[in-house]
Amino acid sequence: MKSEETPFEGGPMDGRSLPVLLGPTGTPPKTYRIPVPDDAGGPPTVLVYRRVPRAHSKRLGLPKGWKYEYSTGGEEGAGKPGSGLRWPWTKPDATPGGKPDDTHG
């Protein structure tokens, strides 16, 4: 697999650069989670970084590389359940009692 040196900004990893595996399209993953072990032996703390463009090209405005920015727990895409894309077919049924054409009551 191919990897790329990707810089990290903010949080405990500020200023560091790590080799990140690239996906089939040649881009790193949208979020990067780093588990940090607890000194007391408890569950590890997970640092969440999200991918942002490093710079944009002049003519077309395309990304010219990627970097990761520290994502706090309350931001979109921080790894909490229910965040991210919402598909129209996953919405709960808004009609009480079933379908509107239900003739059985």
N, C-alpha and C. Protein backbone atom coordinates (compact mmCIF):
# COMPACT_ATOMS: atom_id res chain seq x y z
N MET A 1 0.84 -1.18 0.00
CA MET A 1 0.00 0.00 0.00
C MET A 1 0.88 1.24 0.00
N LYS A 2 0.36 2.29 -0.54
CA LYS A 2 1.08 3.55 -0.64
C LYS A 2 0.78 4.42 0.59
N SER A 3 1.78 5.16 1.04
CA SER A 3 1.57 6.07 2.17
C SER A 3 2.16 7.43 1.83
N GLU A 4 1.75 8.44 2.61
CA GLU A 4 2.19 9.81 2.37
C GLU A 4 2.44 10.49 3.71
N GLU A 5 3.53 11.25 3.82
CA GLU A 5 3.80 12.02 5.03
C GLU A 5 2.76 13.12 5.14
N THR A 6 1.97 13.10 6.19
CA THR A 6 0.88 14.04 6.37
C THR A 6 1.08 14.81 7.66
N PRO A 7 1.07 16.16 7.61
CA PRO A 7 1.25 16.96 8.82
C PRO A 7 -0.02 17.02 9.67
N PHE A 8 0.17 17.20 10.98
CA PHE A 8 -0.93 17.33 11.93
C PHE A 8 -0.86 18.71 12.56
N GLU A 9 -2.03 19.36 12.74
CA GLU A 9 -2.10 20.68 13.35
C GLU A 9 -3.07 20.66 14.52
N GLY A 10 -2.69 21.30 15.60
CA GLY A 10 -3.53 21.41 16.78
C GLY A 10 -3.48 20.17 17.64
N GLY A 11 -3.89 20.32 18.89
CA GLY A 11 -3.92 19.19 19.81
C GLY A 11 -2.52 18.72 20.17
N PRO A 12 -2.42 17.54 20.74
CA PRO A 12 -1.12 17.01 21.17
C PRO A 12 -0.16 16.67 20.03
N MET A 13 -0.65 16.47 18.83
CA MET A 13 0.21 16.09 17.70
C MET A 13 0.64 17.29 16.86
N ASP A 14 0.47 18.51 17.38
CA ASP A 14 0.76 19.73 16.62
C ASP A 14 2.21 19.76 16.17
N GLY A 15 2.42 20.00 14.88
CA GLY A 15 3.76 20.11 14.32
C GLY A 15 4.38 18.79 13.90
N ARG A 16 3.76 17.68 14.21
CA ARG A 16 4.32 16.38 13.83
C ARG A 16 3.79 15.95 12.47
N SER A 17 4.51 15.04 11.86
CA SER A 17 4.12 14.50 10.57
C SER A 17 4.24 12.98 10.64
N LEU A 18 3.20 12.28 10.21
CA LEU A 18 3.20 10.81 10.23
C LEU A 18 2.92 10.26 8.84
N PRO A 19 3.46 9.08 8.53
CA PRO A 19 3.08 8.43 7.26
C PRO A 19 1.68 7.84 7.40
N VAL A 20 0.76 8.27 6.54
CA VAL A 20 -0.63 7.83 6.58
C VAL A 20 -0.91 7.03 5.31
N LEU A 21 -1.53 5.86 5.48
CA LEU A 21 -1.86 5.03 4.32
C LEU A 21 -2.92 5.71 3.47
N LEU A 22 -2.73 5.63 2.15
CA LEU A 22 -3.67 6.23 1.21
C LEU A 22 -4.70 5.20 0.77
N GLY A 23 -5.89 5.68 0.46
CA GLY A 23 -6.96 4.80 -0.01
C GLY A 23 -6.80 4.51 -1.49
N PRO A 24 -7.77 3.81 -2.07
CA PRO A 24 -7.69 3.45 -3.49
C PRO A 24 -7.71 4.66 -4.43
N THR A 25 -8.23 5.80 -3.98
CA THR A 25 -8.27 6.99 -4.82
C THR A 25 -7.04 7.87 -4.63
N GLY A 26 -6.12 7.48 -3.75
CA GLY A 26 -4.91 8.25 -3.53
C GLY A 26 -5.04 9.34 -2.48
N THR A 27 -6.10 9.31 -1.69
CA THR A 27 -6.29 10.30 -0.64
C THR A 27 -6.26 9.61 0.73
N PRO A 28 -5.81 10.32 1.77
CA PRO A 28 -5.85 9.74 3.11
C PRO A 28 -7.29 9.70 3.63
N PRO A 29 -7.56 8.95 4.70
CA PRO A 29 -8.92 8.88 5.23
C PRO A 29 -9.42 10.23 5.75
N LYS A 30 -10.74 10.43 5.79
CA LYS A 30 -11.32 11.71 6.23
C LYS A 30 -11.05 11.98 7.70
N THR A 31 -11.07 10.96 8.52
CA THR A 31 -10.75 11.13 9.94
C THR A 31 -9.63 10.17 10.31
N TYR A 32 -8.80 10.61 11.25
CA TYR A 32 -7.67 9.80 11.71
C TYR A 32 -7.76 9.75 13.23
N ARG A 33 -7.92 8.56 13.78
CA ARG A 33 -8.07 8.38 15.22
C ARG A 33 -6.79 7.80 15.80
N ILE A 34 -6.29 8.43 16.88
CA ILE A 34 -5.07 7.98 17.52
C ILE A 34 -5.40 7.60 18.96
N PRO A 35 -5.35 6.30 19.31
CA PRO A 35 -5.61 5.91 20.70
C PRO A 35 -4.38 6.20 21.57
N VAL A 36 -4.61 6.86 22.70
CA VAL A 36 -3.53 7.18 23.64
C VAL A 36 -3.81 6.39 24.91
N PRO A 37 -2.89 5.48 25.32
CA PRO A 37 -3.16 4.67 26.51
C PRO A 37 -3.21 5.52 27.78
N ASP A 38 -4.06 5.08 28.72
CA ASP A 38 -4.22 5.76 30.00
C ASP A 38 -3.13 5.27 30.95
N ASP A 39 -2.53 6.19 31.72
CA ASP A 39 -1.46 5.81 32.67
C ASP A 39 -2.00 4.94 33.80
N ALA A 40 -3.26 5.13 34.17
CA ALA A 40 -3.84 4.38 35.28
C ALA A 40 -4.38 3.02 34.84
N GLY A 41 -4.26 2.68 33.59
CA GLY A 41 -4.73 1.40 33.09
C GLY A 41 -6.19 1.40 32.66
N GLY A 42 -6.80 2.57 32.58
CA GLY A 42 -8.20 2.68 32.15
C GLY A 42 -8.31 2.61 30.64
N PRO A 43 -9.49 2.92 30.13
CA PRO A 43 -9.67 2.89 28.67
C PRO A 43 -8.84 4.00 28.01
N PRO A 44 -8.33 3.74 26.82
CA PRO A 44 -7.50 4.75 26.16
C PRO A 44 -8.30 5.95 25.70
N THR A 45 -7.65 7.11 25.69
CA THR A 45 -8.24 8.32 25.15
C THR A 45 -8.00 8.33 23.65
N VAL A 46 -9.00 8.68 22.87
CA VAL A 46 -8.88 8.68 21.42
C VAL A 46 -8.82 10.12 20.92
N LEU A 47 -7.72 10.48 20.26
CA LEU A 47 -7.59 11.79 19.63
C LEU A 47 -8.13 11.69 18.22
N VAL A 48 -8.99 12.63 17.83
CA VAL A 48 -9.61 12.60 16.51
C VAL A 48 -9.12 13.80 15.72
N TYR A 49 -8.59 13.52 14.53
CA TYR A 49 -8.16 14.56 13.60
C TYR A 49 -8.97 14.41 12.32
N ARG A 50 -9.33 15.54 11.70
CA ARG A 50 -10.08 15.48 10.44
C ARG A 50 -9.24 16.06 9.31
N ARG A 51 -9.43 15.51 8.12
CA ARG A 51 -8.66 15.89 6.95
C ARG A 51 -9.17 17.19 6.36
N VAL A 52 -8.26 18.09 6.06
CA VAL A 52 -8.58 19.35 5.39
C VAL A 52 -7.54 19.58 4.29
N PRO A 53 -7.88 20.35 3.25
CA PRO A 53 -6.89 20.63 2.20
C PRO A 53 -5.72 21.46 2.75
N ARG A 54 -4.51 21.11 2.31
CA ARG A 54 -3.32 21.86 2.72
C ARG A 54 -3.25 23.18 1.97
N ALA A 55 -3.54 23.16 0.69
CA ALA A 55 -3.55 24.36 -0.16
C ALA A 55 -4.42 24.05 -1.38
N HIS A 56 -4.74 25.10 -2.14
CA HIS A 56 -5.55 24.93 -3.36
C HIS A 56 -4.77 25.45 -4.56
N SER A 57 -5.00 24.82 -5.72
CA SER A 57 -4.36 25.28 -6.94
C SER A 57 -4.98 26.61 -7.37
N LYS A 58 -4.23 27.40 -8.13
CA LYS A 58 -4.68 28.73 -8.51
C LYS A 58 -5.82 28.70 -9.52
N ARG A 59 -5.67 27.92 -10.57
CA ARG A 59 -6.64 27.98 -11.66
C ARG A 59 -7.95 27.27 -11.36
N LEU A 60 -7.88 26.04 -10.89
CA LEU A 60 -9.10 25.25 -10.71
C LEU A 60 -9.57 25.16 -9.26
N GLY A 61 -8.73 25.54 -8.32
CA GLY A 61 -9.10 25.47 -6.92
C GLY A 61 -9.10 24.07 -6.34
N LEU A 62 -8.34 23.16 -6.97
CA LEU A 62 -8.28 21.79 -6.49
C LEU A 62 -7.30 21.68 -5.32
N PRO A 63 -7.54 20.74 -4.39
CA PRO A 63 -6.62 20.57 -3.27
C PRO A 63 -5.23 20.12 -3.74
N LYS A 64 -4.19 20.73 -3.15
CA LYS A 64 -2.80 20.38 -3.49
C LYS A 64 -2.15 19.64 -2.33
N GLY A 65 -2.84 18.69 -1.77
CA GLY A 65 -2.33 17.94 -0.64
C GLY A 65 -3.28 18.06 0.53
N TRP A 66 -3.01 17.27 1.57
CA TRP A 66 -3.90 17.21 2.71
C TRP A 66 -3.12 17.37 4.00
N LYS A 67 -3.81 17.81 5.04
CA LYS A 67 -3.27 17.86 6.39
C LYS A 67 -4.41 17.49 7.33
N TYR A 68 -4.08 17.20 8.57
CA TYR A 68 -5.08 16.86 9.56
C TYR A 68 -5.13 17.95 10.62
N GLU A 69 -6.36 18.38 10.98
CA GLU A 69 -6.58 19.35 12.05
C GLU A 69 -7.25 18.65 13.21
N TYR A 70 -6.88 19.05 14.42
CA TYR A 70 -7.44 18.47 15.63
C TYR A 70 -8.93 18.77 15.70
N SER A 71 -9.73 17.77 16.00
CA SER A 71 -11.18 17.92 16.08
C SER A 71 -11.60 17.67 17.51
N THR A 72 -12.22 18.67 18.14
CA THR A 72 -12.73 18.49 19.50
C THR A 72 -13.97 17.63 19.47
N GLY A 73 -14.43 17.17 20.61
CA GLY A 73 -15.55 16.24 20.69
C GLY A 73 -16.86 16.76 20.15
N GLY A 74 -17.09 18.08 20.13
CA GLY A 74 -18.37 18.60 19.71
C GLY A 74 -18.47 18.92 18.24
N GLU A 75 -17.40 18.80 17.48
CA GLU A 75 -17.43 19.18 16.07
C GLU A 75 -17.99 18.08 15.20
N GLU A 76 -18.46 18.46 14.03
CA GLU A 76 -18.98 17.52 13.04
C GLU A 76 -17.86 16.59 12.58
N GLY A 77 -18.16 15.31 12.50
CA GLY A 77 -17.18 14.35 12.03
C GLY A 77 -16.19 13.93 13.09
N ALA A 78 -16.50 14.16 14.36
CA ALA A 78 -15.57 13.81 15.43
C ALA A 78 -15.69 12.36 15.85
N GLY A 79 -16.46 11.58 15.16
CA GLY A 79 -16.54 10.17 15.45
C GLY A 79 -17.71 9.80 16.34
N LYS A 80 -18.60 10.73 16.65
CA LYS A 80 -19.75 10.40 17.48
C LYS A 80 -20.82 9.75 16.62
N PRO A 81 -21.61 8.85 17.19
CA PRO A 81 -22.66 8.20 16.39
C PRO A 81 -23.68 9.21 15.91
N GLY A 82 -24.11 9.05 14.66
CA GLY A 82 -25.11 9.93 14.09
C GLY A 82 -24.54 11.13 13.36
N SER A 83 -23.22 11.32 13.40
CA SER A 83 -22.64 12.45 12.69
C SER A 83 -22.26 12.02 11.28
N GLY A 84 -22.10 12.98 10.41
CA GLY A 84 -21.69 12.66 9.05
C GLY A 84 -22.86 12.71 8.09
N LEU A 85 -22.83 11.86 7.08
CA LEU A 85 -23.86 11.85 6.05
C LEU A 85 -25.18 11.32 6.58
N ARG A 86 -26.25 11.91 6.10
CA ARG A 86 -27.58 11.42 6.44
C ARG A 86 -28.31 11.13 5.14
N TRP A 87 -28.63 9.89 4.94
CA TRP A 87 -29.28 9.47 3.72
C TRP A 87 -30.79 9.60 3.85
N PRO A 88 -31.50 9.97 2.76
CA PRO A 88 -32.95 10.17 2.86
C PRO A 88 -33.71 8.90 3.22
N TRP A 89 -33.21 7.73 2.88
CA TRP A 89 -33.94 6.51 3.16
C TRP A 89 -33.73 6.02 4.58
N THR A 90 -32.92 6.71 5.39
CA THR A 90 -32.73 6.30 6.78
C THR A 90 -33.52 7.18 7.75
N LYS A 91 -34.35 8.09 7.24
CA LYS A 91 -35.15 8.93 8.12
C LYS A 91 -36.24 8.08 8.78
N PRO A 92 -36.57 8.40 10.02
CA PRO A 92 -37.66 7.66 10.65
C PRO A 92 -38.99 7.99 9.98
N ASP A 93 -39.92 7.07 10.08
CA ASP A 93 -41.23 7.26 9.47
C ASP A 93 -41.97 8.37 10.21
N ALA A 94 -42.32 9.45 9.51
CA ALA A 94 -42.96 10.61 10.12
C ALA A 94 -44.46 10.43 10.27
N THR A 95 -45.05 9.43 9.60
CA THR A 95 -46.49 9.22 9.67
C THR A 95 -46.83 8.39 10.90
N PRO A 96 -47.65 8.90 11.81
CA PRO A 96 -48.00 8.09 12.99
C PRO A 96 -48.93 6.95 12.61
N GLY A 97 -48.66 5.81 13.16
CA GLY A 97 -49.55 4.67 12.95
C GLY A 97 -49.37 3.96 11.63
N GLY A 98 -48.31 4.19 10.91
CA GLY A 98 -48.06 3.45 9.68
C GLY A 98 -48.20 4.30 8.44
N LYS A 99 -48.56 3.66 7.33
CA LYS A 99 -48.66 4.32 6.04
C LYS A 99 -49.96 5.09 5.92
N PRO A 100 -49.99 6.18 5.11
CA PRO A 100 -51.23 6.95 4.97
C PRO A 100 -52.35 6.20 4.25
N ASP A 101 -51.99 5.23 3.42
CA ASP A 101 -53.03 4.49 2.69
C ASP A 101 -53.43 3.21 3.41
N ASP A 102 -53.10 3.12 4.69
CA ASP A 102 -53.45 1.94 5.47
C ASP A 102 -54.95 1.94 5.76
N THR A 103 -55.69 0.96 5.26
CA THR A 103 -57.13 0.91 5.41
C THR A 103 -57.58 0.10 6.63
N HIS A 104 -56.63 -0.51 7.32
CA HIS A 104 -56.99 -1.35 8.46
C HIS A 104 -57.07 -0.57 9.77
N GLY A 105 -56.88 0.73 9.73
CA GLY A 105 -57.11 1.52 10.89
C GLY A 105 -55.94 1.94 11.59
